[in-house]
């Protein structure tokens, strides 16, 4: 069986440059390190809270069992 690909919206705990990769993110209130097959719009400023220096990452990744 094939693994399902899913879009997930994650909030970055770390933030530096817009072109830097997001490794540490908050997912369901927990810090998790995971590998994404493809990162899209990584570390873009959150439109909901532009004053905060958190970044929003969108990862297109394969969910592992």
PDB file of N, CA and C in Angstrom:
ATOM      1  N   UNK A   1       0.836  -1.206   0.000  1.00  0.00           N
ATOM      2  CA  UNK A   1       0.000   0.000   0.000  1.00  0.00           C
ATOM      3  C   UNK A   1       0.872   1.257   0.000  1.00  0.00           C
ATOM      4  N   UNK A   2       0.398   2.260  -0.669  1.00  0.00           N
ATOM      5  CA  UNK A   2       1.147   3.510  -0.734  1.00  0.00           C
ATOM      6  C   UNK A   2       0.878   4.365   0.499  1.00  0.00           C
ATOM      7  N   UNK A   3       1.868   5.136   0.865  1.00  0.00           N
ATOM      8  CA  UNK A   3       1.689   6.060   1.986  1.00  0.00           C
ATOM      9  C   UNK A   3       0.973   7.304   1.483  1.00  0.00           C
ATOM     10  N   UNK A   4       0.098   7.832   2.306  1.00  0.00           N
ATOM     11  CA  UNK A   4      -0.669   9.011   1.903  1.00  0.00           C
ATOM     12  C   UNK A   4       0.155  10.280   2.076  1.00  0.00           C
ATOM     13  N   UNK A   5       0.065  11.155   1.087  1.00  0.00           N
ATOM     14  CA  UNK A   5       0.742  12.444   1.188  1.00  0.00           C
ATOM     15  C   UNK A   5      -0.263  13.460   1.703  1.00  0.00           C
ATOM     16  N   UNK A   6       0.147  14.279   2.649  1.00  0.00           N
ATOM     17  CA  UNK A   6      -0.770  15.242   3.245  1.00  0.00           C
ATOM     18  C   UNK A   6      -0.107  16.601   3.413  1.00  0.00           C
ATOM     19  N   UNK A   7      -0.942  17.627   3.351  1.00  0.00           N
ATOM     20  CA  UNK A   7      -0.468  18.979   3.636  1.00  0.00           C
ATOM     21  C   UNK A   7      -0.635  19.240   5.129  1.00  0.00           C
ATOM     22  N   UNK A   8       0.378  19.819   5.734  1.00  0.00           N
ATOM     23  CA  UNK A   8       0.275  20.170   7.149  1.00  0.00           C
ATOM     24  C   UNK A   8       0.797  21.585   7.359  1.00  0.00           C
ATOM     25  N   UNK A   9       0.097  22.340   8.168  1.00  0.00           N
ATOM     26  CA  UNK A   9       0.547  23.687   8.498  1.00  0.00           C
ATOM     27  C   UNK A   9       1.236  23.650   9.861  1.00  0.00           C
ATOM     28  N   UNK A  10       2.494  24.077   9.899  1.00  0.00           N
ATOM     29  CA  UNK A  10       3.255  24.014  11.132  1.00  0.00           C
ATOM     30  C   UNK A  10       3.800  25.386  11.495  1.00  0.00           C
ATOM     31  N   UNK A  11       3.886  25.645  12.782  1.00  0.00           N
ATOM     32  CA  UNK A  11       4.439  26.911  13.245  1.00  0.00           C
ATOM     33  C   UNK A  11       5.884  26.705  13.693  1.00  0.00           C
ATOM     34  N   UNK A  12       6.786  27.475  13.131  1.00  0.00           N
ATOM     35  CA  UNK A  12       8.202  27.314  13.461  1.00  0.00           C
ATOM     36  C   UNK A  12       8.518  27.894  14.826  1.00  0.00           C
ATOM     37  N   UNK A  13       9.309  27.167  15.569  1.00  0.00           N
ATOM     38  CA  UNK A  13       9.784  27.674  16.850  1.00  0.00           C
ATOM     39  C   UNK A  13      11.035  28.517  16.605  1.00  0.00           C
ATOM     40  N   UNK A  14      11.800  28.120  15.604  1.00  0.00           N
ATOM     41  CA  UNK A  14      13.019  28.856  15.273  1.00  0.00           C
ATOM     42  C   UNK A  14      12.790  29.689  14.027  1.00  0.00           C
ATOM     43  N   UNK A  15      13.431  30.825  13.978  1.00  0.00           N
ATOM     44  CA  UNK A  15      13.270  31.694  12.814  1.00  0.00           C
ATOM     45  C   UNK A  15      14.556  32.479  12.598  1.00  0.00           C
ATOM     46  N   UNK A  16      15.008  32.537  11.353  1.00  0.00           N
ATOM     47  CA  UNK A  16      16.196  33.328  11.046  1.00  0.00           C
ATOM     48  C   UNK A  16      15.982  34.042   9.731  1.00  0.00           C
ATOM     49  N   UNK A  17      16.501  33.470   8.665  1.00  0.00           N
ATOM     50  CA  UNK A  17      16.303  34.073   7.354  1.00  0.00           C
ATOM     51  C   UNK A  17      15.124  33.416   6.663  1.00  0.00           C
ATOM     52  N   UNK A  18      14.545  34.120   5.711  1.00  0.00           N
ATOM     53  CA  UNK A  18      13.394  33.572   5.003  1.00  0.00           C
ATOM     54  C   UNK A  18      13.788  32.375   4.149  1.00  0.00           C
ATOM     55  N   UNK A  19      15.066  32.291   3.787  1.00  0.00           N
ATOM     56  CA  UNK A  19      15.491  31.177   2.949  1.00  0.00           C
ATOM     57  C   UNK A  19      16.085  30.037   3.769  1.00  0.00           C
ATOM     58  N   UNK A  20      16.031  30.157   5.088  1.00  0.00           N
ATOM     59  CA  UNK A  20      16.568  29.090   5.929  1.00  0.00           C
ATOM     60  C   UNK A  20      15.537  27.970   6.063  1.00  0.00           C
ATOM     61  N   UNK A  21      16.022  26.784   6.311  1.00  0.00           N
ATOM     62  CA  UNK A  21      15.119  25.647   6.432  1.00  0.00           C
ATOM     63  C   UNK A  21      14.549  25.570   7.836  1.00  0.00           C
ATOM     64  N   UNK A  22      13.293  25.155   7.935  1.00  0.00           N
ATOM     65  CA  UNK A  22      12.644  25.029   9.241  1.00  0.00           C
ATOM     66  C   UNK A  22      12.787  23.601   9.719  1.00  0.00           C
ATOM     67  N   UNK A  23      13.474  23.424  10.819  1.00  0.00           N
ATOM     68  CA  UNK A  23      13.643  22.080  11.345  1.00  0.00           C
ATOM     69  C   UNK A  23      12.788  21.856  12.584  1.00  0.00           C
ATOM     70  N   UNK A  24      12.823  22.809  13.503  1.00  0.00           N
ATOM     71  CA  UNK A  24      12.060  22.655  14.735  1.00  0.00           C
ATOM     72  C   UNK A  24      10.728  23.369  14.608  1.00  0.00           C
ATOM     73  N   UNK A  25       9.646  22.618  14.667  1.00  0.00           N
ATOM     74  CA  UNK A  25       8.324  23.206  14.530  1.00  0.00           C
ATOM     75  C   UNK A  25       7.404  22.718  15.635  1.00  0.00           C
ATOM     76  N   UNK A  26       6.348  23.472  15.885  1.00  0.00           N
ATOM     77  CA  UNK A  26       5.360  23.062  16.880  1.00  0.00           C
ATOM     78  C   UNK A  26       4.219  22.364  16.160  1.00  0.00           C
ATOM     79  N   UNK A  27       3.980  21.113  16.505  1.00  0.00           N
ATOM     80  CA  UNK A  27       2.958  20.316  15.844  1.00  0.00           C
ATOM     81  C   UNK A  27       2.055  19.705  16.903  1.00  0.00           C
ATOM     82  N   UNK A  28       0.807  20.125  16.916  1.00  0.00           N
ATOM     83  CA  UNK A  28      -0.140  19.682  17.940  1.00  0.00           C
ATOM     84  C   UNK A  28       0.366  19.999  19.344  1.00  0.00           C
ATOM     85  N   UNK A  29       1.037  21.143  19.488  1.00  0.00           N
ATOM     86  CA  UNK A  29       1.504  21.576  20.797  1.00  0.00           C
ATOM     87  C   UNK A  29       2.769  20.892  21.266  1.00  0.00           C
ATOM     88  N   UNK A  30       3.367  20.074  20.399  1.00  0.00           N
ATOM     89  CA  UNK A  30       4.583  19.370  20.787  1.00  0.00           C
ATOM     90  C   UNK A  30       5.697  19.683  19.808  1.00  0.00           C
ATOM     91  N   UNK A  31       6.918  19.764  20.331  1.00  0.00           N
ATOM     92  CA  UNK A  31       8.049  19.984  19.441  1.00  0.00           C
ATOM     93  C   UNK A  31       8.446  18.656  18.830  1.00  0.00           C
ATOM     94  N   UNK A  32       8.493  18.637  17.516  1.00  0.00           N
ATOM     95  CA  UNK A  32       8.868  17.392  16.845  1.00  0.00           C
ATOM     96  C   UNK A  32       9.860  17.685  15.736  1.00  0.00           C
ATOM     97  N   UNK A  33      10.823  16.803  15.604  1.00  0.00           N
ATOM     98  CA  UNK A  33      11.738  16.914  14.475  1.00  0.00           C
ATOM     99  C   UNK A  33      11.333  15.853  13.463  1.00  0.00           C
ATOM    100  N   UNK A  34      11.169  16.274  12.245  1.00  0.00           N
ATOM    101  CA  UNK A  34      10.733  15.338  11.220  1.00  0.00           C
ATOM    102  C   UNK A  34      11.342  15.734   9.898  1.00  0.00           C
ATOM    103  N   UNK A  35      11.363  14.793   8.977  1.00  0.00           N
ATOM    104  CA  UNK A  35      11.918  15.069   7.664  1.00  0.00           C
ATOM    105  C   UNK A  35      10.792  15.249   6.664  1.00  0.00           C
ATOM    106  N   UNK A  36      10.840  16.330   5.928  1.00  0.00           N
ATOM    107  CA  UNK A  36       9.827  16.587   4.910  1.00  0.00           C
ATOM    108  C   UNK A  36      10.426  16.294   3.546  1.00  0.00           C
ATOM    109  N   UNK A  37       9.624  15.690   2.695  1.00  0.00           N
ATOM    110  CA  UNK A  37      10.108  15.375   1.358  1.00  0.00           C
ATOM    111  C   UNK A  37      10.261  16.654   0.555  1.00  0.00           C
ATOM    112  N   UNK A  38       9.360  17.578   0.738  1.00  0.00           N
ATOM    113  CA  UNK A  38       9.426  18.855   0.033  1.00  0.00           C
ATOM    114  C   UNK A  38       8.898  19.952   0.947  1.00  0.00           C
ATOM    115  N   UNK A  39       9.621  21.048   1.023  1.00  0.00           N
ATOM    116  CA  UNK A  39       9.150  22.172   1.834  1.00  0.00           C
ATOM    117  C   UNK A  39       8.719  23.300   0.915  1.00  0.00           C
ATOM    118  N   UNK A  40       7.565  23.868   1.187  1.00  0.00           N
ATOM    119  CA  UNK A  40       7.026  24.937   0.361  1.00  0.00           C
ATOM    120  C   UNK A  40       6.652  26.127   1.243  1.00  0.00           C
ATOM    121  N   UNK A  41       7.056  27.310   0.831  1.00  0.00           N
ATOM    122  CA  UNK A  41       6.792  28.529   1.604  1.00  0.00           C
ATOM    123  C   UNK A  41       7.284  28.383   3.040  1.00  0.00           C
ATOM    124  N   UNK A  42       8.489  27.871   3.177  1.00  0.00           N
ATOM    125  CA  UNK A  42       9.051  27.655   4.503  1.00  0.00           C
ATOM    126  C   UNK A  42       9.422  28.988   5.143  1.00  0.00           C
ATOM    127  N   UNK A  43       9.103  29.148   6.384  1.00  0.00           N
ATOM    128  CA  UNK A  43       9.453  30.341   7.148  1.00  0.00           C
ATOM    129  C   UNK A  43       8.860  31.614   6.583  1.00  0.00           C
ATOM    130  N   UNK A  44       7.612  31.593   6.203  1.00  0.00           N
ATOM    131  CA  UNK A  44       6.952  32.832   5.803  1.00  0.00           C
ATOM    132  C   UNK A  44       6.291  33.431   7.042  1.00  0.00           C
ATOM    133  N   UNK A  45       6.184  34.746   7.081  1.00  0.00           N
ATOM    134  CA  UNK A  45       5.628  35.406   8.265  1.00  0.00           C
ATOM    135  C   UNK A  45       4.140  35.090   8.405  1.00  0.00           C
ATOM    136  N   UNK A  46       3.724  34.792   9.606  1.00  0.00           N
ATOM    137  CA  UNK A  46       2.328  34.451   9.854  1.00  0.00           C
ATOM    138  C   UNK A  46       1.437  35.672   9.636  1.00  0.00           C
ATOM    139  N   UNK A  47       0.440  35.572   8.749  1.00  0.00           N
ATOM    140  CA  UNK A  47      -0.443  36.704   8.468  1.00  0.00           C
ATOM    141  C   UNK A  47      -1.385  37.026   9.625  1.00  0.00           C
ATOM    142  N   UNK A  48      -1.648  36.032  10.457  1.00  0.00           N
ATOM    143  CA  UNK A  48      -2.566  36.247  11.582  1.00  0.00           C
ATOM    144  C   UNK A  48      -1.919  37.090  12.676  1.00  0.00           C
ATOM    145  N   UNK A  49      -0.637  36.827  12.927  1.00  0.00           N
ATOM    146  CA  UNK A  49       0.070  37.565  13.967  1.00  0.00           C
ATOM    147  C   UNK A  49       1.396  38.092  13.417  1.00  0.00           C
ATOM    148  N   UNK A  50       1.347  39.159  12.626  1.00  0.00           N
ATOM    149  CA  UNK A  50       2.549  39.685  11.981  1.00  0.00           C
ATOM    150  C   UNK A  50       3.545  40.300  12.961  1.00  0.00           C
ATOM    151  N   UNK A  51       3.076  40.671  14.144  1.00  0.00           N
ATOM    152  CA  UNK A  51       3.966  41.279  15.130  1.00  0.00           C
ATOM    153  C   UNK A  51       4.856  40.240  15.803  1.00  0.00           C
ATOM    154  N   UNK A  52       4.370  39.005  15.860  1.00  0.00           N
ATOM    155  CA  UNK A  52       5.168  37.953  16.470  1.00  0.00           C
ATOM    156  C   UNK A  52       6.205  37.462  15.473  1.00  0.00           C
ATOM    157  N   UNK A  53       7.340  37.031  15.997  1.00  0.00           N
ATOM    158  CA  UNK A  53       8.422  36.620  15.116  1.00  0.00           C
ATOM    159  C   UNK A  53       8.409  35.128  14.819  1.00  0.00           C
ATOM    160  N   UNK A  54       7.250  34.511  15.029  1.00  0.00           N
ATOM    161  CA  UNK A  54       7.131  33.109  14.653  1.00  0.00           C
ATOM    162  C   UNK A  54       6.900  33.022  13.161  1.00  0.00           C
ATOM    163  N   UNK A  55       7.249  31.916  12.575  1.00  0.00           N
ATOM    164  CA  UNK A  55       7.055  31.727  11.149  1.00  0.00           C
ATOM    165  C   UNK A  55       6.119  30.551  10.920  1.00  0.00           C
ATOM    166  N   UNK A  56       5.469  30.569   9.773  1.00  0.00           N
ATOM    167  CA  UNK A  56       4.579  29.465   9.433  1.00  0.00           C
ATOM    168  C   UNK A  56       5.211  28.647   8.319  1.00  0.00           C
ATOM    169  N   UNK A  57       5.294  27.346   8.529  1.00  0.00           N
ATOM    170  CA  UNK A  57       5.871  26.475   7.512  1.00  0.00           C
ATOM    171  C   UNK A  57       4.809  25.549   6.952  1.00  0.00           C
ATOM    172  N   UNK A  58       4.828  25.386   5.651  1.00  0.00           N
ATOM    173  CA  UNK A  58       3.950  24.409   5.023  1.00  0.00           C
ATOM    174  C   UNK A  58       4.818  23.292   4.468  1.00  0.00           C
ATOM    175  N   UNK A  59       4.573  22.092   4.931  1.00  0.00           N
ATOM    176  CA  UNK A  59       5.357  20.967   4.472  1.00  0.00           C
ATOM    177  C   UNK A  59       4.481  19.969   3.728  1.00  0.00           C
ATOM    178  N   UNK A  60       4.983  19.505   2.616  1.00  0.00           N
ATOM    179  CA  UNK A  60       4.324  18.425   1.888  1.00  0.00           C
ATOM    180  C   UNK A  60       5.151  17.188   2.177  1.00  0.00           C
ATOM    181  N   UNK A  61       4.662  16.353   3.081  1.00  0.00           N
ATOM    182  CA  UNK A  61       5.477  15.237   3.519  1.00  0.00           C
ATOM    183  C   UNK A  61       4.707  13.923   3.505  1.00  0.00           C
ATOM    184  N   UNK A  62       5.455  12.840   3.567  1.00  0.00           N
ATOM    185  CA  UNK A  62       4.842  11.515   3.595  1.00  0.00           C
ATOM    186  C   UNK A  62       4.699  11.075   5.047  1.00  0.00           C
ATOM    187  N   UNK A  63       3.491  10.795   5.437  1.00  0.00           N
ATOM    188  CA  UNK A  63       3.221  10.387   6.810  1.00  0.00           C
ATOM    189  C   UNK A  63       3.679   8.937   7.004  1.00  0.00           C
ATOM    190  N   UNK A  64       4.523   8.728   7.992  1.00  0.00           N
ATOM    191  CA  UNK A  64       5.031   7.379   8.237  1.00  0.00           C
ATOM    192  C   UNK A  64       4.177   6.682   9.281  1.00  0.00           C
ATOM    193  N   UNK A  65       4.160   5.352   9.198  1.00  0.00           N
ATOM    194  CA  UNK A  65       3.370   4.568  10.154  1.00  0.00           C
ATOM    195  C   UNK A  65       4.073   4.537  11.498  1.00  0.00           C
TER     196      UNK A  65
END
